[in-house]
Amino acid sequence: MKSWRGLALAFVLSFGTAGLGGAVTDLGPWYQALQQPPWKPPDWAFGPIWTTLFSLMAISGWWAWRVTSNVGRRRQALVLWAVNGACNVGWSF
């Protein structure tokens, strides 16, 4: 049961990060005014893509925590996972 709670926590943290990143992202008129390349995915595709990415990030953080019982390696994995989350929020600035 603890395993599922850890996975749930990873999803809450991952999608909390996504929500925070979305809250600080402002795609104003400047973005719509950009000339888009022909290979850009359609706007409707970004929701499923980001949902998939953040789900995979949650699973990877949970898995990295469970794969070892070494406290130092767990800490290192979580620090790197947190840095990845911070980068996801920070790219909007």
Protein backbone atom coordinates (compact mmCIF):
# COMPACT_ATOMS: atom_id res chain seq x y z
CA MET A 1 0.00 0.00 0.00
CA LYS A 2 2.85 2.40 0.73
CA SER A 3 3.96 1.97 -2.86
CA TRP A 4 0.67 3.36 -4.17
CA ARG A 5 0.77 6.29 -1.77
CA GLY A 6 4.25 7.14 -3.02
CA LEU A 7 3.06 6.97 -6.62
CA ALA A 8 0.06 9.17 -5.78
CA LEU A 9 2.38 11.69 -4.11
CA ALA A 10 4.64 11.69 -7.17
CA PHE A 11 1.61 12.44 -9.37
CA VAL A 12 0.45 15.24 -7.06
CA LEU A 13 3.92 16.81 -7.08
CA SER A 14 4.36 16.36 -10.82
CA PHE A 15 1.01 17.84 -11.75
CA GLY A 16 1.40 20.53 -9.08
CA THR A 17 4.56 21.51 -10.91
CA ALA A 18 2.64 21.51 -14.19
CA GLY A 19 -0.05 23.70 -12.66
CA LEU A 20 2.50 26.14 -11.27
CA GLY A 21 4.25 26.30 -14.64
CA GLY A 22 0.94 26.88 -16.38
CA ALA A 23 0.01 29.63 -13.93
CA VAL A 24 3.14 31.64 -14.70
CA THR A 25 3.05 31.06 -18.47
CA ASP A 26 1.60 33.92 -20.47
CA LEU A 27 1.04 33.11 -24.12
CA GLY A 28 -0.11 36.57 -25.04
CA PRO A 29 -0.56 38.00 -28.50
CA TRP A 30 3.18 37.81 -29.10
CA TYR A 31 3.00 34.01 -29.39
CA GLN A 32 0.07 34.05 -31.79
CA ALA A 33 1.92 36.65 -33.89
CA LEU A 34 4.93 34.36 -34.37
CA GLN A 35 5.30 32.70 -37.72
CA GLN A 36 4.80 29.02 -36.87
CA PRO A 37 6.78 26.33 -38.67
CA PRO A 38 4.76 23.85 -40.71
CA TRP A 39 5.86 20.96 -38.48
CA LYS A 40 4.42 22.53 -35.29
CA PRO A 41 1.84 20.20 -33.74
CA PRO A 42 -1.74 21.49 -33.68
CA ASP A 43 -2.73 23.38 -30.53
CA TRP A 44 -5.11 20.62 -29.38
CA ALA A 45 -2.18 18.16 -29.19
CA PHE A 46 -0.32 20.01 -26.45
CA GLY A 47 -2.72 18.97 -23.66
CA PRO A 48 -2.30 15.23 -24.22
CA ILE A 49 1.44 15.63 -24.84
CA TRP A 50 2.08 17.55 -21.61
CA THR A 51 -0.20 15.19 -19.66
CA THR A 52 1.80 12.22 -20.93
CA LEU A 53 5.12 13.90 -20.15
CA PHE A 54 4.17 14.87 -16.60
CA SER A 55 2.70 11.40 -15.98
CA LEU A 56 5.97 9.84 -17.10
CA MET A 57 7.89 12.28 -14.88
CA ALA A 58 5.77 11.22 -11.91
CA ILE A 59 6.35 7.54 -12.62
CA SER A 60 10.10 8.10 -13.08
CA GLY A 61 10.38 9.94 -9.76
CA TRP A 62 8.46 7.22 -7.96
CA TRP A 63 10.50 4.48 -9.63
CA ALA A 64 13.81 6.21 -8.85
CA TRP A 65 12.77 6.34 -5.20
CA ARG A 66 11.84 2.65 -5.08
CA VAL A 67 14.71 1.18 -7.11
CA THR A 68 17.26 1.52 -4.31
CA SER A 69 17.27 1.45 -0.54
CA ASN A 70 20.50 3.50 -0.42
CA VAL A 71 19.54 6.80 1.24
CA GLY A 72 22.23 8.78 -0.57
CA ARG A 73 21.16 7.56 -3.98
CA ARG A 74 17.51 8.21 -3.18
CA ARG A 75 18.34 11.75 -2.12
CA GLN A 76 20.37 12.29 -5.29
CA ALA A 77 17.56 10.99 -7.49
CA LEU A 78 14.98 13.19 -5.77
CA VAL A 79 17.20 16.26 -6.01
CA LEU A 80 17.61 15.68 -9.75
CA TRP A 81 13.85 15.09 -10.07
CA ALA A 82 13.17 18.36 -8.23
CA VAL A 83 15.67 20.22 -10.43
CA ASN A 84 13.82 18.88 -13.48
CA GLY A 85 10.55 20.16 -12.02
CA ALA A 86 12.10 23.56 -11.29
CA CYS A 87 13.36 23.74 -14.87
CA ASN A 88 9.84 22.98 -16.12
CA VAL A 89 8.47 25.90 -14.12
CA GLY A 90 11.43 28.19 -14.85
CA TRP A 91 11.38 27.90 -18.63
CA SER A 92 8.43 30.30 -18.66
CA PHE A 93 10.49 33.19 -17.34
